[in-house]
Amino acid sequence: MVTILKERFRSFEDGKSVVVAELAVDVKTDLPVPDGISGRVLSQGTLAWEITTGELYGLGSDGKWVNQTTGDVYDPAGEE
């Protein structure tokens, strides 16, 4: 499950709001693709907290999440 803790509007793209957000997810596999949250496109710099492990992830401009402790990359689109 994904919970939006905070978001900041940046612009519109194809009728969706482009936002920088702070998210909470239960597990890493809950991390969304950039357009995976209804009505929004997540921008580079979005952060996500994985509650089960306490790990923090940052969204890169390539749409992949980077673990901020280990540097491991997670691609929610399945193309690691």
N, C-alpha and C. Protein backbone atom coordinates (compact mmCIF):
# COMPACT_ATOMS: atom_id res chain seq x y z
N MET A 1 0.83 -1.18 0.00
CA MET A 1 0.00 0.00 0.00
C MET A 1 0.88 1.25 0.00
N VAL A 2 0.46 2.26 -0.73
CA VAL A 2 1.18 3.53 -0.80
C VAL A 2 0.34 4.60 -0.12
N THR A 3 0.97 5.37 0.75
CA THR A 3 0.31 6.52 1.38
C THR A 3 1.10 7.77 1.04
N ILE A 4 0.41 8.79 0.57
CA ILE A 4 1.06 10.07 0.31
C ILE A 4 1.09 10.85 1.61
N LEU A 5 2.28 11.12 2.11
CA LEU A 5 2.42 11.88 3.35
C LEU A 5 2.41 13.38 3.09
N LYS A 6 3.00 13.75 1.93
CA LYS A 6 3.11 15.16 1.59
C LYS A 6 3.38 15.24 0.09
N GLU A 7 2.90 16.29 -0.56
CA GLU A 7 3.22 16.49 -1.97
C GLU A 7 3.28 17.97 -2.28
N ARG A 8 4.11 18.29 -3.28
CA ARG A 8 4.23 19.68 -3.72
C ARG A 8 4.03 19.71 -5.23
N PHE A 9 3.09 20.51 -5.67
CA PHE A 9 2.76 20.63 -7.08
C PHE A 9 3.90 21.31 -7.83
N ARG A 10 4.23 20.79 -9.03
CA ARG A 10 5.26 21.41 -9.87
C ARG A 10 4.69 21.93 -11.17
N SER A 11 3.84 21.13 -11.84
CA SER A 11 3.29 21.52 -13.14
C SER A 11 2.19 20.53 -13.54
N PHE A 12 1.66 20.72 -14.75
CA PHE A 12 0.72 19.77 -15.33
C PHE A 12 1.38 19.07 -16.51
N GLU A 13 1.06 17.79 -16.70
CA GLU A 13 1.56 17.02 -17.84
C GLU A 13 0.45 16.06 -18.28
N ASP A 14 -0.06 16.24 -19.48
CA ASP A 14 -1.12 15.38 -20.02
C ASP A 14 -2.31 15.27 -19.07
N GLY A 15 -2.71 16.40 -18.49
CA GLY A 15 -3.88 16.42 -17.62
C GLY A 15 -3.64 15.89 -16.21
N LYS A 16 -2.40 15.56 -15.88
CA LYS A 16 -2.07 15.08 -14.54
C LYS A 16 -1.16 16.07 -13.85
N SER A 17 -1.24 16.12 -12.53
CA SER A 17 -0.36 16.97 -11.73
C SER A 17 1.01 16.31 -11.60
N VAL A 18 2.05 17.05 -11.88
CA VAL A 18 3.42 16.57 -11.64
C VAL A 18 3.79 17.06 -10.24
N VAL A 19 4.17 16.12 -9.36
CA VAL A 19 4.43 16.47 -7.97
C VAL A 19 5.74 15.86 -7.49
N VAL A 20 6.33 16.51 -6.50
CA VAL A 20 7.39 15.93 -5.70
C VAL A 20 6.70 15.52 -4.42
N ALA A 21 6.85 14.25 -4.03
CA ALA A 21 6.07 13.75 -2.90
C ALA A 21 6.95 13.04 -1.88
N GLU A 22 6.38 12.89 -0.71
CA GLU A 22 6.93 12.04 0.33
C GLU A 22 5.90 10.93 0.52
N LEU A 23 6.35 9.69 0.37
CA LEU A 23 5.46 8.54 0.43
C LEU A 23 5.86 7.60 1.55
N ALA A 24 4.91 6.77 1.97
CA ALA A 24 5.18 5.65 2.86
C ALA A 24 4.65 4.41 2.18
N VAL A 25 5.46 3.35 2.15
CA VAL A 25 5.04 2.08 1.57
C VAL A 25 5.29 0.98 2.60
N ASP A 26 4.48 -0.08 2.53
CA ASP A 26 4.69 -1.20 3.44
C ASP A 26 5.98 -1.94 3.12
N VAL A 27 6.16 -2.28 1.83
CA VAL A 27 7.35 -2.99 1.38
C VAL A 27 7.83 -2.38 0.07
N LYS A 28 9.08 -2.65 -0.27
CA LYS A 28 9.71 -2.08 -1.46
C LYS A 28 8.89 -2.33 -2.72
N THR A 29 8.27 -3.48 -2.84
CA THR A 29 7.52 -3.80 -4.04
C THR A 29 6.26 -2.95 -4.20
N ASP A 30 5.92 -2.18 -3.18
CA ASP A 30 4.80 -1.24 -3.27
C ASP A 30 5.22 0.09 -3.91
N LEU A 31 6.51 0.31 -4.11
CA LEU A 31 6.98 1.56 -4.72
C LEU A 31 6.36 1.70 -6.11
N PRO A 32 5.74 2.85 -6.40
CA PRO A 32 5.05 3.00 -7.68
C PRO A 32 5.96 3.44 -8.83
N VAL A 33 5.50 3.16 -10.05
CA VAL A 33 6.13 3.77 -11.22
C VAL A 33 5.75 5.25 -11.18
N PRO A 34 6.48 6.13 -11.89
CA PRO A 34 6.21 7.56 -11.80
C PRO A 34 4.75 7.98 -12.05
N ASP A 35 4.04 7.25 -12.93
CA ASP A 35 2.64 7.62 -13.17
C ASP A 35 1.67 6.61 -12.54
N GLY A 36 2.13 5.94 -11.49
CA GLY A 36 1.36 4.88 -10.87
C GLY A 36 0.39 5.30 -9.79
N ILE A 37 0.31 6.59 -9.51
CA ILE A 37 -0.67 7.08 -8.53
C ILE A 37 -1.69 7.92 -9.28
N SER A 38 -2.93 7.55 -9.16
CA SER A 38 -4.01 8.17 -9.92
C SER A 38 -3.96 9.70 -9.90
N GLY A 39 -3.96 10.29 -11.11
CA GLY A 39 -4.01 11.74 -11.24
C GLY A 39 -2.71 12.46 -11.03
N ARG A 40 -1.62 11.70 -10.80
CA ARG A 40 -0.33 12.32 -10.51
C ARG A 40 0.80 11.68 -11.30
N VAL A 41 1.83 12.46 -11.54
CA VAL A 41 3.10 11.95 -12.05
C VAL A 41 4.15 12.34 -11.02
N LEU A 42 4.86 11.35 -10.50
CA LEU A 42 5.88 11.62 -9.49
C LEU A 42 7.14 12.14 -10.17
N SER A 43 7.69 13.20 -9.63
CA SER A 43 8.87 13.84 -10.18
C SER A 43 10.13 13.34 -9.47
N GLN A 44 11.25 13.52 -10.15
CA GLN A 44 12.56 13.21 -9.57
C GLN A 44 12.67 13.90 -8.22
N GLY A 45 13.23 13.21 -7.25
CA GLY A 45 13.38 13.78 -5.91
C GLY A 45 12.31 13.34 -4.95
N THR A 46 11.30 12.62 -5.46
CA THR A 46 10.28 12.06 -4.58
C THR A 46 10.95 11.05 -3.65
N LEU A 47 10.56 11.05 -2.39
CA LEU A 47 11.13 10.14 -1.40
C LEU A 47 10.07 9.17 -0.91
N ALA A 48 10.50 7.97 -0.58
CA ALA A 48 9.58 6.96 -0.04
C ALA A 48 10.24 6.25 1.13
N TRP A 49 9.47 6.06 2.17
CA TRP A 49 9.92 5.37 3.38
C TRP A 49 9.31 3.97 3.37
N GLU A 50 10.15 2.94 3.39
CA GLU A 50 9.68 1.56 3.48
C GLU A 50 9.52 1.23 4.96
N ILE A 51 8.30 1.13 5.39
CA ILE A 51 8.00 1.01 6.81
C ILE A 51 8.56 -0.27 7.42
N THR A 52 8.48 -1.40 6.71
CA THR A 52 8.91 -2.68 7.30
C THR A 52 10.40 -2.74 7.60
N THR A 53 11.22 -2.00 6.86
CA THR A 53 12.67 -2.04 7.09
C THR A 53 13.25 -0.72 7.57
N GLY A 54 12.50 0.36 7.40
CA GLY A 54 13.01 1.68 7.76
C GLY A 54 13.86 2.31 6.67
N GLU A 55 14.01 1.63 5.53
CA GLU A 55 14.84 2.14 4.44
C GLU A 55 14.17 3.33 3.75
N LEU A 56 14.99 4.22 3.21
CA LEU A 56 14.52 5.40 2.49
C LEU A 56 14.94 5.26 1.03
N TYR A 57 14.02 5.55 0.12
CA TYR A 57 14.26 5.47 -1.32
C TYR A 57 14.04 6.82 -1.95
N GLY A 58 14.83 7.13 -2.97
CA GLY A 58 14.67 8.35 -3.76
C GLY A 58 14.39 7.99 -5.21
N LEU A 59 13.50 8.74 -5.85
CA LEU A 59 13.14 8.49 -7.24
C LEU A 59 14.06 9.28 -8.16
N GLY A 60 14.71 8.57 -9.08
CA GLY A 60 15.59 9.21 -10.05
C GLY A 60 14.83 9.63 -11.29
N SER A 61 15.48 10.40 -12.14
CA SER A 61 14.84 10.88 -13.37
C SER A 61 14.56 9.74 -14.35
N ASP A 62 15.17 8.58 -14.14
CA ASP A 62 14.93 7.42 -15.00
C ASP A 62 13.74 6.57 -14.54
N GLY A 63 13.04 7.01 -13.48
CA GLY A 63 11.87 6.29 -12.99
C GLY A 63 12.19 5.13 -12.06
N LYS A 64 13.46 5.01 -11.68
CA LYS A 64 13.88 3.94 -10.77
C LYS A 64 14.11 4.51 -9.38
N TRP A 65 13.86 3.66 -8.40
CA TRP A 65 14.05 4.04 -7.00
C TRP A 65 15.43 3.61 -6.54
N VAL A 66 16.12 4.47 -5.79
CA VAL A 66 17.46 4.17 -5.29
C VAL A 66 17.43 4.18 -3.77
N ASN A 67 17.86 3.05 -3.19
CA ASN A 67 17.96 2.95 -1.74
C ASN A 67 19.03 3.94 -1.28
N GLN A 68 18.67 4.82 -0.38
CA GLN A 68 19.58 5.89 0.02
C GLN A 68 20.68 5.44 0.97
N THR A 69 20.60 4.22 1.49
CA THR A 69 21.65 3.69 2.34
C THR A 69 22.62 2.84 1.56
N THR A 70 22.09 1.94 0.72
CA THR A 70 22.93 0.97 0.03
C THR A 70 23.27 1.34 -1.41
N GLY A 71 22.45 2.21 -2.01
CA GLY A 71 22.64 2.55 -3.41
C GLY A 71 22.01 1.56 -4.37
N ASP A 72 21.37 0.50 -3.82
CA ASP A 72 20.70 -0.49 -4.66
C ASP A 72 19.56 0.16 -5.42
N VAL A 73 19.38 -0.25 -6.66
CA VAL A 73 18.34 0.31 -7.53
C VAL A 73 17.17 -0.66 -7.61
N TYR A 74 15.95 -0.13 -7.51
CA TYR A 74 14.74 -0.92 -7.68
C TYR A 74 13.91 -0.29 -8.79
N ASP A 75 13.58 -1.09 -9.79
CA ASP A 75 12.77 -0.63 -10.92
C ASP A 75 11.37 -1.22 -10.77
N PRO A 76 10.37 -0.40 -10.44
CA PRO A 76 9.02 -0.93 -10.25
C PRO A 76 8.39 -1.41 -11.54
N ALA A 77 8.97 -1.03 -12.69
CA ALA A 77 8.47 -1.51 -13.98
C ALA A 77 9.02 -2.91 -14.28
N GLY A 78 9.90 -3.42 -13.43
CA GLY A 78 10.45 -4.77 -13.60
C GLY A 78 11.60 -4.87 -14.57
N GLU A 79 12.20 -3.75 -14.94
CA GLU A 79 13.30 -3.74 -15.92
C GLU A 79 14.60 -3.33 -15.25
N GLU A 80 15.01 -4.07 -14.24
CA GLU A 80 16.24 -3.72 -13.52
C GLU A 80 17.46 -3.97 -14.35
